[in-house]
Amino acid sequence: SDPYDYSEVLESAYQLFIKQKQYFDALRVALRIGNEDAIPDLLSQCSEDKLMKKQMCLLLARQRINYEVEDDEEEEELNELIGNEKLSEEFLKVA
């Protein structure tokens, strides 16, 4: 299949996930297409769902994405998750 078609499908999936407020899946697609600029926007859109934010940070950690959360009340904890500190403990909590 054509790589252009594949990237178009991924971009459409990304937009649909955002429209449906499925931010975790939108982040997965954004990382697949290399759109790391979407990370802060996606994290801010799910500001009410703290568990979702933690899961998103764990995904960033597993993908080894270097990102630092700023201006969040749980900033320290989220940055620890991204930094893979206590990784197995946190996976057990959100599983």
PDB file of N, CA and C in Angstrom:
ATOM      1  N   SER A   1       0.838  -1.178   0.000  1.00  0.00           N
ATOM      2  CA  SER A   1       0.000   0.000   0.000  1.00  0.00           C
ATOM      3  C   SER A   1       0.885   1.245   0.000  1.00  0.00           C
ATOM      4  N   ASP A   2       0.326   2.311  -0.439  1.00  0.00           N
ATOM      5  CA  ASP A   2       1.041   3.575  -0.597  1.00  0.00           C
ATOM      6  C   ASP A   2       1.288   4.227   0.772  1.00  0.00           C
ATOM      7  N   PRO A   3       2.532   4.644   1.053  1.00  0.00           N
ATOM      8  CA  PRO A   3       2.820   5.293   2.350  1.00  0.00           C
ATOM      9  C   PRO A   3       2.004   6.565   2.570  1.00  0.00           C
ATOM     10  N   TYR A   4       1.689   7.273   1.486  1.00  0.00           N
ATOM     11  CA  TYR A   4       0.882   8.492   1.618  1.00  0.00           C
ATOM     12  C   TYR A   4      -0.519   8.137   2.125  1.00  0.00           C
ATOM     13  N   ASP A   5      -1.090   7.057   1.580  1.00  0.00           N
ATOM     14  CA  ASP A   5      -2.413   6.621   2.025  1.00  0.00           C
ATOM     15  C   ASP A   5      -2.390   6.227   3.498  1.00  0.00           C
ATOM     16  N   TYR A   6      -1.326   5.550   3.900  1.00  0.00           N
ATOM     17  CA  TYR A   6      -1.195   5.116   5.292  1.00  0.00           C
ATOM     18  C   TYR A   6      -1.145   6.319   6.232  1.00  0.00           C
ATOM     19  N   SER A   7      -0.352   7.327   5.871  1.00  0.00           N
ATOM     20  CA  SER A   7      -0.264   8.505   6.733  1.00  0.00           C
ATOM     21  C   SER A   7      -1.582   9.270   6.752  1.00  0.00           C
ATOM     22  N   GLU A   8      -2.300   9.253   5.647  1.00  0.00           N
ATOM     23  CA  GLU A   8      -3.609   9.910   5.601  1.00  0.00           C
ATOM     24  C   GLU A   8      -4.615   9.189   6.507  1.00  0.00           C
ATOM     25  N   VAL A   9      -4.575   7.864   6.508  1.00  0.00           N
ATOM     26  CA  VAL A   9      -5.449   7.075   7.375  1.00  0.00           C
ATOM     27  C   VAL A   9      -5.134   7.356   8.841  1.00  0.00           C
ATOM     28  N   LEU A  10      -3.841   7.396   9.169  1.00  0.00           N
ATOM     29  CA  LEU A  10      -3.446   7.679  10.555  1.00  0.00           C
ATOM     30  C   LEU A  10      -3.876   9.075  10.981  1.00  0.00           C
ATOM     31  N   GLU A  11      -3.732  10.042  10.096  1.00  0.00           N
ATOM     32  CA  GLU A  11      -4.147  11.411  10.419  1.00  0.00           C
ATOM     33  C   GLU A  11      -5.657  11.474  10.648  1.00  0.00           C
ATOM     34  N   SER A  12      -6.412  10.765   9.831  1.00  0.00           N
ATOM     35  CA  SER A  12      -7.874  10.713  10.006  1.00  0.00           C
ATOM     36  C   SER A  12      -8.234  10.042  11.333  1.00  0.00           C
ATOM     37  N   ALA A  13      -7.538   8.962  11.652  1.00  0.00           N
ATOM     38  CA  ALA A  13      -7.782   8.267  12.920  1.00  0.00           C
ATOM     39  C   ALA A  13      -7.485   9.196  14.095  1.00  0.00           C
ATOM     40  N   TYR A  14      -6.394   9.945  13.994  1.00  0.00           N
ATOM     41  CA  TYR A  14      -6.017  10.896  15.045  1.00  0.00           C
ATOM     42  C   TYR A  14      -7.148  11.906  15.272  1.00  0.00           C
ATOM     43  N   GLN A  15      -7.660  12.483  14.187  1.00  0.00           N
ATOM     44  CA  GLN A  15      -8.730  13.477  14.297  1.00  0.00           C
ATOM     45  C   GLN A  15     -10.007  12.857  14.879  1.00  0.00           C
ATOM     46  N   LEU A  16     -10.317  11.638  14.476  1.00  0.00           N
ATOM     47  CA  LEU A  16     -11.505  10.962  15.003  1.00  0.00           C
ATOM     48  C   LEU A  16     -11.375  10.661  16.494  1.00  0.00           C
ATOM     49  N   PHE A  17     -10.206  10.229  16.914  1.00  0.00           N
ATOM     50  CA  PHE A  17     -10.005   9.950  18.336  1.00  0.00           C
ATOM     51  C   PHE A  17     -10.160  11.217  19.166  1.00  0.00           C
ATOM     52  N   ILE A  18      -9.658  12.328  18.675  1.00  0.00           N
ATOM     53  CA  ILE A  18      -9.816  13.593  19.404  1.00  0.00           C
ATOM     54  C   ILE A  18     -11.291  13.985  19.457  1.00  0.00           C
ATOM     55  N   LYS A  19     -11.974  13.846  18.333  1.00  0.00           N
ATOM     56  CA  LYS A  19     -13.394  14.186  18.279  1.00  0.00           C
ATOM     57  C   LYS A  19     -14.208  13.342  19.259  1.00  0.00           C
ATOM     58  N   GLN A  20     -13.828  12.081  19.433  1.00  0.00           N
ATOM     59  CA  GLN A  20     -14.514  11.169  20.339  1.00  0.00           C
ATOM     60  C   GLN A  20     -13.975  11.245  21.769  1.00  0.00           C
ATOM     61  N   LYS A  21     -13.033  12.147  22.009  1.00  0.00           N
ATOM     62  CA  LYS A  21     -12.397  12.347  23.313  1.00  0.00           C
ATOM     63  C   LYS A  21     -11.690  11.093  23.824  1.00  0.00           C
ATOM     64  N   GLN A  22     -11.097  10.361  22.899  1.00  0.00           N
ATOM     65  CA  GLN A  22     -10.290   9.199  23.239  1.00  0.00           C
ATOM     66  C   GLN A  22      -8.825   9.612  23.118  1.00  0.00           C
ATOM     67  N   TYR A  23      -8.388  10.358  24.121  1.00  0.00           N
ATOM     68  CA  TYR A  23      -7.088  11.006  24.047  1.00  0.00           C
ATOM     69  C   TYR A  23      -5.920  10.031  24.120  1.00  0.00           C
ATOM     70  N   PHE A  24      -6.072   8.945  24.831  1.00  0.00           N
ATOM     71  CA  PHE A  24      -4.997   7.955  24.897  1.00  0.00           C
ATOM     72  C   PHE A  24      -4.734   7.369  23.511  1.00  0.00           C
ATOM     73  N   ASP A  25      -5.798   6.994  22.820  1.00  0.00           N
ATOM     74  CA  ASP A  25      -5.643   6.447  21.472  1.00  0.00           C
ATOM     75  C   ASP A  25      -5.125   7.503  20.507  1.00  0.00           C
ATOM     76  N   ALA A  26      -5.563   8.742  20.684  1.00  0.00           N
ATOM     77  CA  ALA A  26      -5.056   9.834  19.854  1.00  0.00           C
ATOM     78  C   ALA A  26      -3.552  10.005  20.060  1.00  0.00           C
ATOM     79  N   LEU A  27      -3.096   9.858  21.305  1.00  0.00           N
ATOM     80  CA  LEU A  27      -1.665   9.956  21.589  1.00  0.00           C
ATOM     81  C   LEU A  27      -0.901   8.817  20.915  1.00  0.00           C
ATOM     82  N   ARG A  28      -1.452   7.603  20.959  1.00  0.00           N
ATOM     83  CA  ARG A  28      -0.804   6.463  20.301  1.00  0.00           C
ATOM     84  C   ARG A  28      -0.612   6.730  18.808  1.00  0.00           C
ATOM     85  N   VAL A  29      -1.652   7.254  18.175  1.00  0.00           N
ATOM     86  CA  VAL A  29      -1.572   7.544  16.747  1.00  0.00           C
ATOM     87  C   VAL A  29      -0.609   8.702  16.488  1.00  0.00           C
ATOM     88  N   ALA A  30      -0.664   9.727  17.322  1.00  0.00           N
ATOM     89  CA  ALA A  30       0.235  10.876  17.155  1.00  0.00           C
ATOM     90  C   ALA A  30       1.698  10.434  17.224  1.00  0.00           C
ATOM     91  N   LEU A  31       2.003   9.537  18.160  1.00  0.00           N
ATOM     92  CA  LEU A  31       3.375   9.045  18.275  1.00  0.00           C
ATOM     93  C   LEU A  31       3.760   8.211  17.060  1.00  0.00           C
ATOM     94  N   ARG A  32       2.813   7.459  16.539  1.00  0.00           N
ATOM     95  CA  ARG A  32       3.093   6.626  15.357  1.00  0.00           C
ATOM     96  C   ARG A  32       3.408   7.487  14.137  1.00  0.00           C
ATOM     97  N   ILE A  33       2.721   8.626  13.996  1.00  0.00           N
ATOM     98  CA  ILE A  33       2.988   9.488  12.847  1.00  0.00           C
ATOM     99  C   ILE A  33       4.100  10.502  13.135  1.00  0.00           C
ATOM    100  N   GLY A  34       4.662  10.431  14.340  1.00  0.00           N
ATOM    101  CA  GLY A  34       5.789  11.304  14.678  1.00  0.00           C
ATOM    102  C   GLY A  34       5.389  12.713  15.054  1.00  0.00           C
ATOM    103  N   ASN A  35       4.178  12.889  15.512  1.00  0.00           N
ATOM    104  CA  ASN A  35       3.673  14.211  15.879  1.00  0.00           C
ATOM    105  C   ASN A  35       3.802  14.421  17.384  1.00  0.00           C
ATOM    106  N   GLU A  36       5.013  14.604  17.849  1.00  0.00           N
ATOM    107  CA  GLU A  36       5.241  14.813  19.288  1.00  0.00           C
ATOM    108  C   GLU A  36       4.760  16.186  19.748  1.00  0.00           C
ATOM    109  N   ASP A  37       4.499  17.091  18.809  1.00  0.00           N
ATOM    110  CA  ASP A  37       3.979  18.409  19.167  1.00  0.00           C
ATOM    111  C   ASP A  37       2.560  18.323  19.722  1.00  0.00           C
ATOM    112  N   ALA A  38       1.884  17.213  19.490  1.00  0.00           N
ATOM    113  CA  ALA A  38       0.509  17.032  19.964  1.00  0.00           C
ATOM    114  C   ALA A  38       0.451  16.659  21.442  1.00  0.00           C
ATOM    115  N   ILE A  39       1.568  16.258  22.027  1.00  0.00           N
ATOM    116  CA  ILE A  39       1.580  15.769  23.413  1.00  0.00           C
ATOM    117  C   ILE A  39       1.001  16.785  24.403  1.00  0.00           C
ATOM    118  N   PRO A  40       1.490  18.034  24.435  1.00  0.00           N
ATOM    119  CA  PRO A  40       0.946  18.957  25.444  1.00  0.00           C
ATOM    120  C   PRO A  40      -0.547  19.231  25.256  1.00  0.00           C
ATOM    121  N   ASP A  41      -0.981  19.323  24.016  1.00  0.00           N
ATOM    122  CA  ASP A  41      -2.392  19.580  23.747  1.00  0.00           C
ATOM    123  C   ASP A  41      -3.263  18.422  24.223  1.00  0.00           C
ATOM    124  N   LEU A  42      -2.833  17.209  23.954  1.00  0.00           N
ATOM    125  CA  LEU A  42      -3.608  16.038  24.366  1.00  0.00           C
ATOM    126  C   LEU A  42      -3.650  15.914  25.887  1.00  0.00           C
ATOM    127  N   LEU A  43      -2.536  16.176  26.544  1.00  0.00           N
ATOM    128  CA  LEU A  43      -2.518  16.110  28.008  1.00  0.00           C
ATOM    129  C   LEU A  43      -3.422  17.174  28.618  1.00  0.00           C
ATOM    130  N   SER A  44      -3.447  18.355  28.024  1.00  0.00           N
ATOM    131  CA  SER A  44      -4.275  19.421  28.583  1.00  0.00           C
ATOM    132  C   SER A  44      -5.764  19.162  28.337  1.00  0.00           C
ATOM    133  N   GLN A  45      -6.101  18.471  27.239  1.00  0.00           N
ATOM    134  CA  GLN A  45      -7.507  18.202  26.941  1.00  0.00           C
ATOM    135  C   GLN A  45      -8.125  17.199  27.907  1.00  0.00           C
ATOM    136  N   CYS A  46      -7.308  16.362  28.525  1.00  0.00           N
ATOM    137  CA  CYS A  46      -7.875  15.398  29.475  1.00  0.00           C
ATOM    138  C   CYS A  46      -7.527  15.794  30.907  1.00  0.00           C
ATOM    139  N   SER A  47      -7.572  17.091  31.175  1.00  0.00           N
ATOM    140  CA  SER A  47      -7.174  17.592  32.492  1.00  0.00           C
ATOM    141  C   SER A  47      -8.074  17.099  33.620  1.00  0.00           C
ATOM    142  N   GLU A  48      -9.311  16.773  33.329  1.00  0.00           N
ATOM    143  CA  GLU A  48     -10.231  16.292  34.361  1.00  0.00           C
ATOM    144  C   GLU A  48      -9.985  14.833  34.739  1.00  0.00           C
ATOM    145  N   ASP A  49      -9.466  14.054  33.821  1.00  0.00           N
ATOM    146  CA  ASP A  49      -9.274  12.618  34.026  1.00  0.00           C
ATOM    147  C   ASP A  49      -7.810  12.335  34.403  1.00  0.00           C
ATOM    148  N   LYS A  50      -7.550  12.320  35.702  1.00  0.00           N
ATOM    149  CA  LYS A  50      -6.177  12.152  36.185  1.00  0.00           C
ATOM    150  C   LYS A  50      -5.606  10.778  35.845  1.00  0.00           C
ATOM    151  N   LEU A  51      -6.426   9.748  35.880  1.00  0.00           N
ATOM    152  CA  LEU A  51      -5.963   8.405  35.547  1.00  0.00           C
ATOM    153  C   LEU A  51      -5.547   8.324  34.076  1.00  0.00           C
ATOM    154  N   MET A  52      -6.306   8.973  33.209  1.00  0.00           N
ATOM    155  CA  MET A  52      -5.973   8.999  31.788  1.00  0.00           C
ATOM    156  C   MET A  52      -4.620   9.674  31.580  1.00  0.00           C
ATOM    157  N   LYS A  53      -4.389  10.766  32.300  1.00  0.00           N
ATOM    158  CA  LYS A  53      -3.104  11.453  32.190  1.00  0.00           C
ATOM    159  C   LYS A  53      -1.957  10.542  32.602  1.00  0.00           C
ATOM    160  N   LYS A  54      -2.166   9.789  33.674  1.00  0.00           N
ATOM    161  CA  LYS A  54      -1.122   8.871  34.134  1.00  0.00           C
ATOM    162  C   LYS A  54      -0.861   7.789  33.096  1.00  0.00           C
ATOM    163  N   GLN A  55      -1.927   7.266  32.495  1.00  0.00           N
ATOM    164  CA  GLN A  55      -1.754   6.254  31.466  1.00  0.00           C
ATOM    165  C   GLN A  55      -1.018   6.821  30.257  1.00  0.00           C
ATOM    166  N   MET A  56      -1.317   8.049  29.906  1.00  0.00           N
ATOM    167  CA  MET A  56      -0.633   8.686  28.787  1.00  0.00           C
ATOM    168  C   MET A  56       0.856   8.876  29.091  1.00  0.00           C
ATOM    169  N   CYS A  57       1.159   9.239  30.329  1.00  0.00           N
ATOM    170  CA  CYS A  57       2.557   9.402  30.725  1.00  0.00           C
ATOM    171  C   CYS A  57       3.291   8.064  30.710  1.00  0.00           C
ATOM    172  N   LEU A  58       2.600   7.000  31.115  1.00  0.00           N
ATOM    173  CA  LEU A  58       3.210   5.667  31.048  1.00  0.00           C
ATOM    174  C   LEU A  58       3.480   5.263  29.604  1.00  0.00           C
ATOM    175  N   LEU A  59       2.581   5.633  28.699  1.00  0.00           N
ATOM    176  CA  LEU A  59       2.810   5.360  27.280  1.00  0.00           C
ATOM    177  C   LEU A  59       4.038   6.115  26.782  1.00  0.00           C
ATOM    178  N   LEU A  60       4.171   7.372  27.181  1.00  0.00           N
ATOM    179  CA  LEU A  60       5.350   8.153  26.787  1.00  0.00           C
ATOM    180  C   LEU A  60       6.618   7.514  27.329  1.00  0.00           C
ATOM    181  N   ALA A  61       6.533   6.989  28.548  1.00  0.00           N
ATOM    182  CA  ALA A  61       7.698   6.324  29.144  1.00  0.00           C
ATOM    183  C   ALA A  61       8.065   5.071  28.363  1.00  0.00           C
ATOM    184  N   ARG A  62       7.068   4.264  28.008  1.00  0.00           N
ATOM    185  CA  ARG A  62       7.329   3.021  27.268  1.00  0.00           C
ATOM    186  C   ARG A  62       7.905   3.302  25.887  1.00  0.00           C
ATOM    187  N   GLN A  63       7.495   4.417  25.292  1.00  0.00           N
ATOM    188  CA  GLN A  63       8.011   4.787  23.972  1.00  0.00           C
ATOM    189  C   GLN A  63       9.315   5.580  24.053  1.00  0.00           C
ATOM    190  N   ARG A  64       9.756   5.811  25.290  1.00  0.00           N
ATOM    191  CA  ARG A  64      10.984   6.568  25.550  1.00  0.00           C
ATOM    192  C   ARG A  64      10.957   7.962  24.909  1.00  0.00           C
ATOM    193  N   ILE A  65       9.830   8.621  25.101  1.00  0.00           N
ATOM    194  CA  ILE A  65       9.656   9.983  24.605  1.00  0.00           C
ATOM    195  C   ILE A  65      10.121  10.938  25.703  1.00  0.00           C
ATOM    196  N   ASN A  66      11.014  11.824  25.358  1.00  0.00           N
ATOM    197  CA  ASN A  66      11.537  12.792  26.310  1.00  0.00           C
ATOM    198  C   ASN A  66      10.589  13.992  26.343  1.00  0.00           C
ATOM    199  N   TYR A  67       9.784  14.057  27.383  1.00  0.00           N
ATOM    200  CA  TYR A  67       8.814  15.136  27.534  1.00  0.00           C
ATOM    201  C   TYR A  67       8.697  15.484  29.002  1.00  0.00           C
ATOM    202  N   GLU A  68       8.527  16.760  29.290  1.00  0.00           N
ATOM    203  CA  GLU A  68       8.384  17.193  30.682  1.00  0.00           C
ATOM    204  C   GLU A  68       7.065  17.934  30.844  1.00  0.00           C
ATOM    205  N   VAL A  69       6.245  17.468  31.775  1.00  0.00           N
ATOM    206  CA  VAL A  69       4.952  18.091  32.053  1.00  0.00           C
ATOM    207  C   VAL A  69       5.192  19.358  32.860  1.00  0.00           C
ATOM    208  N   GLU A  70       4.514  20.428  32.451  1.00  0.00           N
ATOM    209  CA  GLU A  70       4.622  21.696  33.165  1.00  0.00           C
ATOM    210  C   GLU A  70       3.225  22.226  33.445  1.00  0.00           C
ATOM    211  N   ASP A  71       3.107  23.071  34.449  1.00  0.00           N
ATOM    212  CA  ASP A  71       1.844  23.731  34.791  1.00  0.00           C
ATOM    213  C   ASP A  71       0.707  22.745  35.048  1.00  0.00           C
ATOM    214  N   ASP A  72       0.987  21.755  35.858  1.00  0.00           N
ATOM    215  CA  ASP A  72      -0.033  20.780  36.228  1.00  0.00           C
ATOM    216  C   ASP A  72       0.105  20.532  37.719  1.00  0.00           C
ATOM    217  N   GLU A  73      -1.023  20.347  38.399  1.00  0.00           N
ATOM    218  CA  GLU A  73      -0.971  20.148  39.851  1.00  0.00           C
ATOM    219  C   GLU A  73      -0.257  18.848  40.225  1.00  0.00           C
ATOM    220  N   GLU A  74      -0.238  17.872  39.331  1.00  0.00           N
ATOM    221  CA  GLU A  74       0.460  16.607  39.575  1.00  0.00           C
ATOM    222  C   GLU A  74       1.734  16.512  38.743  1.00  0.00           C
ATOM    223  N   GLU A  75       2.314  17.639  38.456  1.00  0.00           N
ATOM    224  CA  GLU A  75       3.485  17.732  37.580  1.00  0.00           C
ATOM    225  C   GLU A  75       4.615  16.790  37.993  1.00  0.00           C
ATOM    226  N   GLU A  76       4.951  16.777  39.273  1.00  0.00           N
ATOM    227  CA  GLU A  76       6.064  15.954  39.748  1.00  0.00           C
ATOM    228  C   GLU A  76       5.799  14.460  39.528  1.00  0.00           C
ATOM    229  N   GLU A  77       4.602  14.017  39.893  1.00  0.00           N
ATOM    230  CA  GLU A  77       4.257  12.602  39.737  1.00  0.00           C
ATOM    231  C   GLU A  77       4.240  12.196  38.259  1.00  0.00           C
ATOM    232  N   LEU A  78       3.682  13.043  37.408  1.00  0.00           N
ATOM    233  CA  LEU A  78       3.606  12.738  35.981  1.00  0.00           C
ATOM    234  C   LEU A  78       5.001  12.661  35.358  1.00  0.00           C
ATOM    235  N   ASN A  79       5.876  13.562  35.772  1.00  0.00           N
ATOM    236  CA  ASN A  79       7.245  13.534  35.246  1.00  0.00           C
ATOM    237  C   ASN A  79       8.010  12.304  35.736  1.00  0.00           C
ATOM    238  N   GLU A  80       7.701  11.840  36.948  1.00  0.00           N
ATOM    239  CA  GLU A  80       8.310  10.598  37.437  1.00  0.00           C
ATOM    240  C   GLU A  80       7.853   9.416  36.588  1.00  0.00           C
ATOM    241  N   LEU A  81       6.585   9.419  36.197  1.00  0.00           N
ATOM    242  CA  LEU A  81       6.075   8.343  35.344  1.00  0.00           C
ATOM    243  C   LEU A  81       6.776   8.344  33.989  1.00  0.00           C
ATOM    244  N   ILE A  82       6.912   9.518  33.401  1.00  0.00           N
ATOM    245  CA  ILE A  82       7.569   9.612  32.100  1.00  0.00           C
ATOM    246  C   ILE A  82       9.030   9.202  32.211  1.00  0.00           C
ATOM    247  N   GLY A  83       9.635   9.484  33.345  1.00  0.00           N
ATOM    248  CA  GLY A  83      11.040   9.148  33.552  1.00  0.00           C
ATOM    249  C   GLY A  83      11.268   7.694  33.933  1.00  0.00           C
ATOM    250  N   ASN A  84      10.219   6.888  33.926  1.00  0.00           N
ATOM    251  CA  ASN A  84      10.287   5.456  34.242  1.00  0.00           C
ATOM    252  C   ASN A  84      10.678   5.167  35.690  1.00  0.00           C
ATOM    253  N   GLU A  85      10.472   6.125  36.573  1.00  0.00           N
ATOM    254  CA  GLU A  85      10.708   5.875  37.983  1.00  0.00           C
ATOM    255  C   GLU A  85       9.517   5.074  38.508  1.00  0.00           C
ATOM    256  N   LYS A  86       9.774   4.012  39.214  1.00  0.00           N
ATOM    257  CA  LYS A  86       8.711   3.177  39.797  1.00  0.00           C
ATOM    258  C   LYS A  86       7.759   2.657  38.723  1.00  0.00           C
ATOM    259  N   LEU A  87       8.280   2.277  37.577  1.00  0.00           N
ATOM    260  CA  LEU A  87       7.446   1.892  36.441  1.00  0.00           C
ATOM    261  C   LEU A  87       6.540   0.706  36.741  1.00  0.00           C
ATOM    262  N   SER A  88       7.087  -0.362  37.291  1.00  0.00           N
ATOM    263  CA  SER A  88       6.260  -1.545  37.525  1.00  0.00           C
ATOM    264  C   SER A  88       5.178  -1.272  38.557  1.00  0.00           C
ATOM    265  N   GLU A  89       5.479  -0.480  39.576  1.00  0.00           N
ATOM    266  CA  GLU A  89       4.472  -0.136  40.583  1.00  0.00           C
ATOM    267  C   GLU A  89       3.284   0.578  39.949  1.00  0.00           C
ATOM    268  N   GLU A  90       3.578   1.518  39.089  1.00  0.00           N
ATOM    269  CA  GLU A  90       2.513   2.327  38.472  1.00  0.00           C
ATOM    270  C   GLU A  90       1.692   1.507  37.490  1.00  0.00           C
ATOM    271  N   PHE A  91       2.320   0.604  36.756  1.00  0.00           N
ATOM    272  CA  PHE A  91       1.564  -0.248  35.843  1.00  0.00           C
ATOM    273  C   PHE A  91       0.578  -1.118  36.620  1.00  0.00           C
ATOM    274  N   LEU A  92       0.989  -1.579  37.778  1.00  0.00           N
ATOM    275  CA  LEU A  92       0.091  -2.391  38.582  1.00  0.00           C
ATOM    276  C   LEU A  92      -1.087  -1.564  39.105  1.00  0.00           C
ATOM    277  N   LYS A  93      -0.858  -0.290  39.390  1.00  0.00           N
ATOM    278  CA  LYS A  93      -1.927   0.578  39.886  1.00  0.00           C
ATOM    279  C   LYS A  93      -2.980   0.851  38.826  1.00  0.00           C
ATOM    280  N   VAL A  94      -2.568   1.078  37.584  1.00  0.00           N
ATOM    281  CA  VAL A  94      -3.520   1.466  36.546  1.00  0.00           C
ATOM    282  C   VAL A  94      -4.050   0.280  35.751  1.00  0.00           C
ATOM    283  N   ALA A  95      -3.545  -0.912  36.021  1.00  0.00           N
ATOM    284  CA  ALA A  95      -3.987  -2.081  35.252  1.00  0.00           C
ATOM    285  C   ALA A  95      -5.389  -2.486  35.595  1.00  0.00           C
TER     286      ALA A  95
END
